[in-house]
Amino acid sequence: MLLRSESLTQAAKKQFGLVRNPFADDIHCRADVFVSPALRYCRAALFDAALNHGFIALIGESGSGKSTLAEELEQKILDEGRSVIIIRPYVLAMEENDTKGKTLKSSAIAEAIIRSLDPSASPRRTADARFRQVHELLKASRAAGNSHLILIEEAHCLPIPTLKHLKRFLELKQGLSRLLGVALIGQPELALKLSEHKPEVREVAQRCELIQVPPLDGDLEGYLAHKFDRAGAKSADALAPDAIDAIRARLIRVPRGGKAADAESLCYPLVVGNLVTRALNAAAAAGWPKVDAQVIGGC
């Protein structure tokens, strides 16, 4: 199911008392981030991986809020003054093979660590010297009281060899203490790559905790109330009581040829935002006082 993004019209803003779209360019501080009990666990797992050098994979559909959680982690570390260094290898052109784009290799991750810990240092030429340099920098940074987290977004595009090498980065220790953690952020394809049924990644699958970012579903009403409140409005002034259940029903997908038991919810923030924006525009254009189940059904 694809719901294309749509701008909120001036007529809709005027009718529903909105100065901006509650779902577009809506995250500017941590208070803007909606956190349900399920999302709170995802958030805590990321923070624990950063502080205690864990190994996790945060997996969710496109638009489920994975990147927002990662960005909120960085803001939390800044706000609380935590001694945590986030290492983000650039993934702008990353693909799982060099035919489609550029693969992210362990050497690039090593260079990202070096840049993050000592921007003035030049990576050593040989692989052995470069990885020794990484280890020494991590030990020195740890002695200074820092924790370290490698955070890789779009991790579903990582090649299998790099996934295997990440386990070896985790094995960089000082005595019994790990020197860094790893957090992978990716779409459901990442879970397939990390399946315990794949012998080539068994060492990684046995150590990496998979955490699913859930759909909003039961938290949908709270999410909408939060978004409208952050935009200076009330969701009850724009959405009729039957609209919430209609949104949930509209965002159920049954695979072609599937049965009712195969149905899955697509009630994720990006999709919900696109649907509600379309519905607000439609209600304003038709002169309806509120968005109700009939309006949602027509969008």
C-alpha atoms as a PDB file:
ATOM      1  CA  MET A   1       0.000   0.000   0.000  1.00  0.00           C
ATOM      2  CA  LEU A   2       1.475   3.330  -1.074  1.00  0.00           C
ATOM      3  CA  LEU A   3      -0.044   6.631   0.008  1.00  0.00           C
ATOM      4  CA  ARG A   4       1.741   9.491  -1.678  1.00  0.00           C
ATOM      5  CA  SER A   5       2.640  12.555   0.384  1.00  0.00           C
ATOM      6  CA  GLU A   6       0.339  15.549   0.002  1.00  0.00           C
ATOM      7  CA  SER A   7       0.659  19.150   1.226  1.00  0.00           C
ATOM      8  CA  LEU A   8      -1.966  20.384   3.660  1.00  0.00           C
ATOM      9  CA  THR A   9      -4.100  22.960   1.854  1.00  0.00           C
ATOM     10  CA  GLN A  10      -4.743  26.467   3.109  1.00  0.00           C
ATOM     11  CA  ALA A  11      -8.454  25.652   3.310  1.00  0.00           C
ATOM     12  CA  ALA A  12      -7.755  22.658   5.573  1.00  0.00           C
ATOM     13  CA  LYS A  13      -5.422  24.688   7.802  1.00  0.00           C
ATOM     14  CA  LYS A  14      -8.028  27.401   8.192  1.00  0.00           C
ATOM     15  CA  GLN A  15     -10.918  25.012   8.868  1.00  0.00           C
ATOM     16  CA  PHE A  16      -9.088  22.917  11.473  1.00  0.00           C
ATOM     17  CA  GLY A  17      -7.127  25.708  13.152  1.00  0.00           C
ATOM     18  CA  LEU A  18      -3.694  24.579  12.012  1.00  0.00           C
ATOM     19  CA  VAL A  19      -0.785  26.877  11.194  1.00  0.00           C
ATOM     20  CA  ARG A  20       1.238  23.953   9.809  1.00  0.00           C
ATOM     21  CA  ASN A  21       0.882  20.305   8.876  1.00  0.00           C
ATOM     22  CA  PRO A  22       1.207  18.236  12.105  1.00  0.00           C
ATOM     23  CA  PHE A  23       2.912  15.449  10.129  1.00  0.00           C
ATOM     24  CA  ALA A  24       5.457  17.322   7.983  1.00  0.00           C
ATOM     25  CA  ASP A  25       8.821  18.581   9.264  1.00  0.00           C
ATOM     26  CA  ASP A  26       7.411  17.873  12.701  1.00  0.00           C
ATOM     27  CA  ILE A  27      10.437  16.763  14.774  1.00  0.00           C
ATOM     28  CA  HIS A  28      12.557  19.604  16.186  1.00  0.00           C
ATOM     29  CA  CYS A  29      13.187  18.497  19.774  1.00  0.00           C
ATOM     30  CA  ARG A  30      12.760  15.398  21.936  1.00  0.00           C
ATOM     31  CA  ALA A  31       9.354  16.588  23.126  1.00  0.00           C
ATOM     32  CA  ASP A  32       8.107  16.267  19.535  1.00  0.00           C
ATOM     33  CA  VAL A  33       8.838  12.503  19.522  1.00  0.00           C
ATOM     34  CA  PHE A  34       5.825  10.349  20.371  1.00  0.00           C
ATOM     35  CA  VAL A  35       6.798   7.443  22.607  1.00  0.00           C
ATOM     36  CA  SER A  36       4.401   4.554  23.244  1.00  0.00           C
ATOM     37  CA  PRO A  37       5.240   1.722  25.698  1.00  0.00           C
ATOM     38  CA  ALA A  38       6.446  -0.427  22.782  1.00  0.00           C
ATOM     39  CA  LEU A  39       8.577   2.382  21.343  1.00  0.00           C
ATOM     40  CA  ARG A  40       9.929   3.093  24.806  1.00  0.00           C
ATOM     41  CA  TYR A  41      11.483  -0.380  24.781  1.00  0.00           C
ATOM     42  CA  CYS A  42      13.128   0.280  21.396  1.00  0.00           C
ATOM     43  CA  ARG A  43      14.419   3.574  22.737  1.00  0.00           C
ATOM     44  CA  ALA A  44      15.793   1.947  25.913  1.00  0.00           C
ATOM     45  CA  ALA A  45      17.479  -0.833  23.919  1.00  0.00           C
ATOM     46  CA  LEU A  46      19.315   1.710  21.765  1.00  0.00           C
ATOM     47  CA  PHE A  47      20.439   3.643  24.822  1.00  0.00           C
ATOM     48  CA  ASP A  48      21.624   0.477  26.552  1.00  0.00           C
ATOM     49  CA  ALA A  49      23.608  -0.581  23.464  1.00  0.00           C
ATOM     50  CA  ALA A  50      25.306   2.838  23.514  1.00  0.00           C
ATOM     51  CA  LEU A  51      26.163   2.750  27.221  1.00  0.00           C
ATOM     52  CA  ASN A  52      26.967  -0.949  27.606  1.00  0.00           C
ATOM     53  CA  HIS A  53      28.279  -1.851  24.143  1.00  0.00           C
ATOM     54  CA  GLY A  54      25.453  -4.142  23.071  1.00  0.00           C
ATOM     55  CA  PHE A  55      24.668  -5.539  19.623  1.00  0.00           C
ATOM     56  CA  ILE A  56      21.148  -4.854  18.337  1.00  0.00           C
ATOM     57  CA  ALA A  57      19.258  -4.571  15.059  1.00  0.00           C
ATOM     58  CA  LEU A  58      16.277  -2.204  15.063  1.00  0.00           C
ATOM     59  CA  ILE A  59      13.975  -3.367  12.288  1.00  0.00           C
ATOM     60  CA  GLY A  60      10.857  -1.727  10.901  1.00  0.00           C
ATOM     61  CA  GLU A  61       8.977  -0.855   7.756  1.00  0.00           C
ATOM     62  CA  SER A  62       9.690   2.324   5.832  1.00  0.00           C
ATOM     63  CA  GLY A  63       8.193   5.237   7.761  1.00  0.00           C
ATOM     64  CA  SER A  64       7.949   3.364  11.060  1.00  0.00           C
ATOM     65  CA  GLY A  65      10.131   5.880  12.919  1.00  0.00           C
ATOM     66  CA  LYS A  66      13.459   3.999  13.077  1.00  0.00           C
ATOM     67  CA  SER A  67      15.592   6.968  12.044  1.00  0.00           C
ATOM     68  CA  THR A  68      13.723   9.237  14.456  1.00  0.00           C
ATOM     69  CA  LEU A  69      14.600   6.878  17.320  1.00  0.00           C
ATOM     70  CA  ALA A  70      18.259   6.921  16.280  1.00  0.00           C
ATOM     71  CA  GLU A  71      18.268  10.729  16.080  1.00  0.00           C
ATOM     72  CA  GLU A  72      16.481  10.978  19.417  1.00  0.00           C
ATOM     73  CA  LEU A  73      19.208   8.785  20.945  1.00  0.00           C
ATOM     74  CA  GLU A  74      21.884  11.234  19.785  1.00  0.00           C
ATOM     75  CA  GLN A  75      19.884  14.189  21.144  1.00  0.00           C
ATOM     76  CA  LYS A  76      19.396  12.428  24.499  1.00  0.00           C
ATOM     77  CA  ILE A  77      23.149  11.848  24.775  1.00  0.00           C
ATOM     78  CA  LEU A  78      23.766  15.555  24.063  1.00  0.00           C
ATOM     79  CA  ASP A  79      21.052  16.779  26.426  1.00  0.00           C
ATOM     80  CA  GLU A  80      22.243  14.591  29.304  1.00  0.00           C
ATOM     81  CA  GLY A  81      25.932  15.180  28.686  1.00  0.00           C
ATOM     82  CA  ARG A  82      26.686  11.478  28.383  1.00  0.00           C
ATOM     83  CA  SER A  83      30.213  10.412  27.445  1.00  0.00           C
ATOM     84  CA  VAL A  84      29.086   8.375  24.447  1.00  0.00           C
ATOM     85  CA  ILE A  85      30.631   8.704  20.999  1.00  0.00           C
ATOM     86  CA  ILE A  86      28.298   7.757  18.142  1.00  0.00           C
ATOM     87  CA  ILE A  87      30.193   6.492  15.100  1.00  0.00           C
ATOM     88  CA  ARG A  88      28.138   6.824  11.909  1.00  0.00           C
ATOM     89  CA  PRO A  89      29.733   5.459   8.725  1.00  0.00           C
ATOM     90  CA  TYR A  90      28.334   7.308   5.706  1.00  0.00           C
ATOM     91  CA  VAL A  91      25.818   5.186   3.797  1.00  0.00           C
ATOM     92  CA  LEU A  92      24.754   7.631   1.071  1.00  0.00           C
ATOM     93  CA  ALA A  93      25.574   5.280  -1.814  1.00  0.00           C
ATOM     94  CA  MET A  94      25.590   2.000   0.097  1.00  0.00           C
ATOM     95  CA  GLU A  95      24.146  -1.080  -1.601  1.00  0.00           C
ATOM     96  CA  GLU A  96      24.623  -4.793  -0.988  1.00  0.00           C
ATOM     97  CA  ASN A  97      26.816  -5.183  -4.079  1.00  0.00           C
ATOM     98  CA  ASP A  98      29.042  -2.961  -6.208  1.00  0.00           C
ATOM     99  CA  THR A  99      26.786  -3.327  -9.259  1.00  0.00           C
ATOM    100  CA  LYS A 100      23.982  -1.300  -7.689  1.00  0.00           C
ATOM    101  CA  GLY A 101      26.108   1.118  -5.678  1.00  0.00           C
ATOM    102  CA  LYS A 102      29.005   0.989  -3.243  1.00  0.00           C
ATOM    103  CA  THR A 103      29.340  -1.697  -0.586  1.00  0.00           C
ATOM    104  CA  LEU A 104      30.265  -0.686   2.949  1.00  0.00           C
ATOM    105  CA  LYS A 105      33.351  -2.666   3.927  1.00  0.00           C
ATOM    106  CA  SER A 106      35.027  -3.150   7.289  1.00  0.00           C
ATOM    107  CA  SER A 107      37.875  -0.859   6.212  1.00  0.00           C
ATOM    108  CA  ALA A 108      35.392   2.021   5.802  1.00  0.00           C
ATOM    109  CA  ILE A 109      33.968   1.318   9.268  1.00  0.00           C
ATOM    110  CA  ALA A 110      37.505   1.397  10.671  1.00  0.00           C
ATOM    111  CA  GLU A 111      38.110   4.758   9.004  1.00  0.00           C
ATOM    112  CA  ALA A 112      34.850   6.079  10.474  1.00  0.00           C
ATOM    113  CA  ILE A 113      36.022   5.051  13.955  1.00  0.00           C
ATOM    114  CA  ILE A 114      39.369   6.777  13.428  1.00  0.00           C
ATOM    115  CA  ARG A 115      37.690   9.986  12.177  1.00  0.00           C
ATOM    116  CA  SER A 116      35.281  10.019  15.122  1.00  0.00           C
ATOM    117  CA  LEU A 117      37.917   9.443  17.801  1.00  0.00           C
ATOM    118  CA  ASP A 118      40.763  11.497  16.338  1.00  0.00           C
ATOM    119  CA  PRO A 119      39.804  13.745  13.384  1.00  0.00           C
ATOM    120  CA  SER A 120      43.432  14.782  12.917  1.00  0.00           C
ATOM    121  CA  ALA A 121      44.702  11.209  12.499  1.00  0.00           C
ATOM    122  CA  SER A 122      45.299   9.623   9.098  1.00  0.00           C
ATOM    123  CA  PRO A 123      44.312   5.959   8.693  1.00  0.00           C
ATOM    124  CA  ARG A 124      47.343   3.697   8.414  1.00  0.00           C
ATOM    125  CA  ARG A 125      47.998   2.164   5.005  1.00  0.00           C
ATOM    126  CA  THR A 126      47.977  -1.570   5.718  1.00  0.00           C
ATOM    127  CA  ALA A 127      44.938  -3.372   7.078  1.00  0.00           C
ATOM    128  CA  ASP A 128      46.837  -4.729  10.082  1.00  0.00           C
ATOM    129  CA  ALA A 129      48.181  -1.290  11.015  1.00  0.00           C
ATOM    130  CA  ARG A 130      44.778   0.364  10.474  1.00  0.00           C
ATOM    131  CA  PHE A 131      42.904  -2.071  12.726  1.00  0.00           C
ATOM    132  CA  ARG A 132      45.650  -1.846  15.359  1.00  0.00           C
ATOM    133  CA  GLN A 133      45.206   1.935  15.187  1.00  0.00           C
ATOM    134  CA  VAL A 134      41.455   1.500  15.749  1.00  0.00           C
ATOM    135  CA  HIS A 135      42.045  -0.731  18.774  1.00  0.00           C
ATOM    136  CA  GLU A 136      44.515   1.688  20.372  1.00  0.00           C
ATOM    137  CA  LEU A 137      42.241   4.683  19.802  1.00  0.00           C
ATOM    138  CA  LEU A 138      39.288   2.834  21.342  1.00  0.00           C
ATOM    139  CA  LYS A 139      41.333   1.858  24.404  1.00  0.00           C
ATOM    140  CA  ALA A 140      42.544   5.420  24.897  1.00  0.00           C
ATOM    141  CA  SER A 141      39.023   6.809  24.502  1.00  0.00           C
ATOM    142  CA  ARG A 142      37.639   4.228  26.927  1.00  0.00           C
ATOM    143  CA  ALA A 143      40.316   5.161  29.456  1.00  0.00           C
ATOM    144  CA  ALA A 144      39.070   8.748  29.148  1.00  0.00           C
ATOM    145  CA  GLY A 145      35.611   7.573  30.213  1.00  0.00           C
ATOM    146  CA  ASN A 146      33.868   7.269  26.836  1.00  0.00           C
ATOM    147  CA  SER A 147      31.553   4.590  25.492  1.00  0.00           C
ATOM    148  CA  HIS A 148      31.283   3.978  21.742  1.00  0.00           C
ATOM    149  CA  LEU A 149      28.468   2.919  19.432  1.00  0.00           C
ATOM    150  CA  ILE A 150      28.685   2.123  15.719  1.00  0.00           C
ATOM    151  CA  LEU A 151      25.297   3.134  14.295  1.00  0.00           C
ATOM    152  CA  ILE A 152      24.547   2.064  10.725  1.00  0.00           C
ATOM    153  CA  GLU A 153      21.319   3.117   9.026  1.00  0.00           C
ATOM    154  CA  GLU A 154      19.931   1.410   5.899  1.00  0.00           C
ATOM    155  CA  ALA A 155      21.600  -1.716   7.283  1.00  0.00           C
ATOM    156  CA  HIS A 156      19.430  -3.969   5.107  1.00  0.00           C
ATOM    157  CA  CYS A 157      21.827  -2.940   2.318  1.00  0.00           C
ATOM    158  CA  LEU A 158      24.892  -4.278   4.131  1.00  0.00           C
ATOM    159  CA  PRO A 159      26.685  -7.135   2.370  1.00  0.00           C
ATOM    160  CA  ILE A 160      26.932 -10.421   4.269  1.00  0.00           C
ATOM    161  CA  PRO A 161      30.748 -10.225   4.709  1.00  0.00           C
ATOM    162  CA  THR A 162      30.431  -6.840   6.461  1.00  0.00           C
ATOM    163  CA  LEU A 163      27.735  -8.199   8.777  1.00  0.00           C
ATOM    164  CA  LYS A 164      30.137 -10.983   9.726  1.00  0.00           C
ATOM    165  CA  HIS A 165      32.963  -8.504  10.293  1.00  0.00           C
ATOM    166  CA  LEU A 166      30.849  -6.472  12.709  1.00  0.00           C
ATOM    167  CA  LYS A 167      31.059  -9.354  15.151  1.00  0.00           C
ATOM    168  CA  ARG A 168      34.837  -8.989  15.038  1.00  0.00           C
ATOM    169  CA  PHE A 169      34.606  -5.285  15.826  1.00  0.00           C
ATOM    170  CA  LEU A 170      32.638  -6.261  18.935  1.00  0.00           C
ATOM    171  CA  GLU A 171      35.514  -8.517  19.933  1.00  0.00           C
ATOM    172  CA  LEU A 172      37.854  -5.535  20.300  1.00  0.00           C
ATOM    173  CA  LYS A 173      38.247  -5.489  24.067  1.00  0.00           C
ATOM    174  CA  GLN A 174      40.391  -4.280  26.900  1.00  0.00           C
ATOM    175  CA  GLY A 175      40.593  -7.177  29.267  1.00  0.00           C
ATOM    176  CA  LEU A 176      37.020  -8.409  29.659  1.00  0.00           C
ATOM    177  CA  SER A 177      35.407  -5.132  28.653  1.00  0.00           C
ATOM    178  CA  ARG A 178      34.032  -4.439  25.198  1.00  0.00           C
ATOM    179  CA  LEU A 179      35.176  -1.210  23.665  1.00  0.00           C
ATOM    180  CA  LEU A 180      32.194  -0.557  21.399  1.00  0.00           C
ATOM    181  CA  GLY A 181      28.639  -1.557  20.613  1.00  0.00           C
ATOM    182  CA  VAL A 182      26.767  -1.877  17.321  1.00  0.00           C
ATOM    183  CA  ALA A 183      23.257  -0.750  16.402  1.00  0.00           C
ATOM    184  CA  LEU A 184      21.900  -1.623  12.955  1.00  0.00           C
ATOM    185  CA  ILE A 185      18.847   0.278  11.676  1.00  0.00           C
ATOM    186  CA  GLY A 186      17.090  -1.357   8.743  1.00  0.00           C
ATOM    187  CA  GLN A 187      13.984  -2.558   6.974  1.00  0.00           C
ATOM    188  CA  PRO A 188      12.559  -6.107   7.282  1.00  0.00           C
ATOM    189  CA  GLU A 189      15.050  -7.444   4.718  1.00  0.00           C
ATOM    190  CA  LEU A 190      17.679  -7.095   7.449  1.00  0.00           C
ATOM    191  CA  ALA A 191      15.873  -9.694   9.561  1.00  0.00           C
ATOM    192  CA  LEU A 192      16.063 -12.098   6.620  1.00  0.00           C
ATOM    193  CA  LYS A 193      19.807 -11.504   6.308  1.00  0.00           C
ATOM    194  CA  LEU A 194      20.243 -12.168  10.029  1.00  0.00           C
ATOM    195  CA  SER A 195      18.114 -15.310  10.049  1.00  0.00           C
ATOM    196  CA  GLU A 196      19.370 -18.091  12.302  1.00  0.00           C
ATOM    197  CA  HIS A 197      18.711 -20.444   9.367  1.00  0.00           C
ATOM    198  CA  LYS A 198      21.572 -18.901   7.373  1.00  0.00           C
ATOM    199  CA  PRO A 199      24.798 -20.722   8.304  1.00  0.00           C
ATOM    200  CA  GLU A 200      27.005 -17.965   6.866  1.00  0.00           C
ATOM    201  CA  VAL A 201      25.778 -15.466   9.489  1.00  0.00           C
ATOM    202  CA  ARG A 202      25.234 -17.821  12.428  1.00  0.00           C
ATOM    203  CA  GLU A 203      27.907 -16.134  14.575  1.00  0.00           C
ATOM    204  CA  VAL A 204      26.176 -12.789  14.089  1.00  0.00           C
ATOM    205  CA  ALA A 205      22.618 -14.099  14.457  1.00  0.00           C
ATOM    206  CA  GLN A 206      23.484 -15.730  17.796  1.00  0.00           C
ATOM    207  CA  ARG A 207      24.755 -12.427  19.212  1.00  0.00           C
ATOM    208  CA  CYS A 208      22.531  -9.762  17.665  1.00  0.00           C
ATOM    209  CA  GLU A 209      19.184  -8.962  19.303  1.00  0.00           C
ATOM    210  CA  LEU A 210      16.457  -8.255  16.733  1.00  0.00           C
ATOM    211  CA  ILE A 211      14.014  -5.577  17.870  1.00  0.00           C
ATOM    212  CA  GLN A 212      10.921  -4.891  15.779  1.00  0.00           C
ATOM    213  CA  VAL A 213       9.474  -1.375  15.611  1.00  0.00           C
ATOM    214  CA  PRO A 214       5.725  -2.096  15.956  1.00  0.00           C
ATOM    215  CA  PRO A 215       2.826  -0.366  14.166  1.00  0.00           C
ATOM    216  CA  LEU A 216       0.883   2.235  16.135  1.00  0.00           C
ATOM    217  CA  ASP A 217      -2.402   0.292  16.220  1.00  0.00           C
ATOM    218  CA  GLY A 218      -3.564   0.585  19.872  1.00  0.00           C
ATOM    219  CA  ASP A 219      -1.506   3.756  20.314  1.00  0.00           C
ATOM    220  CA  LEU A 220      -2.964   5.474  17.254  1.00  0.00           C
ATOM    221  CA  GLU A 221      -5.343   7.765  19.172  1.00  0.00           C
ATOM    222  CA  GLY A 222      -2.524   8.889  21.481  1.00  0.00           C
ATOM    223  CA  TYR A 223      -0.194   9.445  18.524  1.00  0.00           C
ATOM    224  CA  LEU A 224      -2.704  11.658  16.703  1.00  0.00           C
ATOM    225  CA  ALA A 225      -3.492  13.615  19.862  1.00  0.00           C
ATOM    226  CA  HIS A 226       0.237  14.190  20.393  1.00  0.00           C
ATOM    227  CA  LYS A 227       0.831  15.370  16.818  1.00  0.00           C
ATOM    228  CA  PHE A 228      -2.090  17.803  16.821  1.00  0.00           C
ATOM    229  CA  ASP A 229      -1.109  19.089  20.261  1.00  0.00           C
ATOM    230  CA  ARG A 230       2.462  19.808  19.094  1.00  0.00           C
ATOM    231  CA  ALA A 231       0.948  21.765  16.185  1.00  0.00           C
ATOM    232  CA  GLY A 232      -1.165  23.842  18.563  1.00  0.00           C
ATOM    233  CA  ALA A 233      -4.497  22.126  17.889  1.00  0.00           C
ATOM    234  CA  LYS A 234      -6.717  19.336  19.215  1.00  0.00           C
ATOM    235  CA  SER A 235      -7.255  16.117  17.302  1.00  0.00           C
ATOM    236  CA  ALA A 236     -10.866  15.934  18.551  1.00  0.00           C
ATOM    237  CA  ASP A 237     -11.627  19.169  16.677  1.00  0.00           C
ATOM    238  CA  ALA A 238     -10.559  17.593  13.382  1.00  0.00           C
ATOM    239  CA  LEU A 239     -11.295  13.868  13.748  1.00  0.00           C
ATOM    240  CA  ALA A 240     -14.698  12.378  14.500  1.00  0.00           C
ATOM    241  CA  PRO A 241     -14.763   9.466  17.008  1.00  0.00           C
ATOM    242  CA  ASP A 242     -15.219   6.861  14.259  1.00  0.00           C
ATOM    243  CA  ALA A 243     -12.208   8.117  12.287  1.00  0.00           C
ATOM    244  CA  ILE A 244      -9.648   6.320  14.488  1.00  0.00           C
ATOM    245  CA  ASP A 245     -11.039   2.829  13.844  1.00  0.00           C
ATOM    246  CA  ALA A 246     -11.477   3.718  10.174  1.00  0.00           C
ATOM    247  CA  ILE A 247      -7.773   4.629   9.906  1.00  0.00           C
ATOM    248  CA  ARG A 248      -6.768   1.308  11.463  1.00  0.00           C
ATOM    249  CA  ALA A 249      -9.050  -0.583   9.093  1.00  0.00           C
ATOM    250  CA  ARG A 250      -7.823   1.379   6.067  1.00  0.00           C
ATOM    251  CA  LEU A 251      -4.216   0.507   6.895  1.00  0.00           C
ATOM    252  CA  ILE A 252      -4.620  -3.263   6.935  1.00  0.00           C
ATOM    253  CA  ARG A 253      -2.938  -5.115   4.087  1.00  0.00           C
ATOM    254  CA  VAL A 254      -3.685  -8.676   3.030  1.00  0.00           C
ATOM    255  CA  PRO A 255      -1.087 -10.087   0.610  1.00  0.00           C
ATOM    256  CA  ARG A 256      -2.422 -11.057  -2.809  1.00  0.00           C
ATOM    257  CA  GLY A 257      -3.862 -14.538  -2.556  1.00  0.00           C
ATOM    258  CA  GLY A 258      -3.540 -14.442   1.244  1.00  0.00           C
ATOM    259  CA  LYS A 259      -6.100 -15.214   3.930  1.00  0.00           C
ATOM    260  CA  ALA A 260      -7.455 -13.039   6.740  1.00  0.00           C
ATOM    261  CA  ALA A 261      -4.857 -14.571   9.047  1.00  0.00           C
ATOM    262  CA  ASP A 262      -2.130 -13.142   6.788  1.00  0.00           C
ATOM    263  CA  ALA A 263      -3.308  -9.562   7.284  1.00  0.00           C
ATOM    264  CA  GLU A 264      -0.717  -7.092   8.553  1.00  0.00           C
ATOM    265  CA  SER A 265      -0.995  -3.567   9.885  1.00  0.00           C
ATOM    266  CA  LEU A 266       0.660  -0.685   8.047  1.00  0.00           C
ATOM    267  CA  CYS A 267      -0.306   1.772  10.777  1.00  0.00           C
ATOM    268  CA  TYR A 268       3.089   3.479  10.844  1.00  0.00           C
ATOM    269  CA  PRO A 269       3.717   7.212  11.412  1.00  0.00           C
ATOM    270  CA  LEU A 270       4.569   8.103   7.803  1.00  0.00           C
ATOM    271  CA  VAL A 271       1.565   6.283   6.332  1.00  0.00           C
ATOM    272  CA  VAL A 272      -0.788   7.592   9.025  1.00  0.00           C
ATOM    273  CA  GLY A 273       0.433  11.144   8.414  1.00  0.00           C
ATOM    274  CA  ASN A 274      -0.088  10.872   4.657  1.00  0.00           C
ATOM    275  CA  LEU A 275      -3.573   9.399   5.080  1.00  0.00           C
ATOM    276  CA  VAL A 276      -4.766  11.942   7.656  1.00  0.00           C
ATOM    277  CA  THR A 277      -3.386  14.858   5.600  1.00  0.00           C
ATOM    278  CA  ARG A 278      -5.309  13.643   2.546  1.00  0.00           C
ATOM    279  CA  ALA A 279      -8.426  13.236   4.681  1.00  0.00           C
ATOM    280  CA  LEU A 280      -8.135  16.751   6.135  1.00  0.00           C
ATOM    281  CA  ASN A 281      -7.823  18.170   2.610  1.00  0.00           C
ATOM    282  CA  ALA A 282     -10.771  16.116   1.387  1.00  0.00           C
ATOM    283  CA  ALA A 283     -13.005  17.158   4.302  1.00  0.00           C
ATOM    284  CA  ALA A 284     -12.169  20.842   3.809  1.00  0.00           C
ATOM    285  CA  ALA A 285     -12.792  20.639   0.062  1.00  0.00           C
ATOM    286  CA  ALA A 286     -16.179  18.949   0.583  1.00  0.00           C
ATOM    287  CA  GLY A 287     -17.213  21.241   3.438  1.00  0.00           C
ATOM    288  CA  TRP A 288     -17.386  18.470   6.018  1.00  0.00           C
ATOM    289  CA  PRO A 289     -16.916  19.752   9.607  1.00  0.00           C
ATOM    290  CA  LYS A 290     -14.689  16.839  10.638  1.00  0.00           C
ATOM    291  CA  VAL A 291     -12.867  13.865   9.190  1.00  0.00           C
ATOM    292  CA  ASP A 292     -15.013  10.795   9.819  1.00  0.00           C
ATOM    293  CA  ALA A 293     -14.991   7.155   8.739  1.00  0.00           C
ATOM    294  CA  GLN A 294     -16.641   8.006   5.392  1.00  0.00           C
ATOM    295  CA  VAL A 295     -13.929  10.539   4.544  1.00  0.00           C
ATOM    296  CA  ILE A 296     -11.166   8.085   5.513  1.00  0.00           C
ATOM    297  CA  GLY A 297     -12.766   5.391   3.384  1.00  0.00           C
ATOM    298  CA  GLY A 298     -12.695   7.705   0.367  1.00  0.00           C
ATOM    299  CA  CYS A 299      -8.995   8.440   0.721  1.00  0.00           C
END
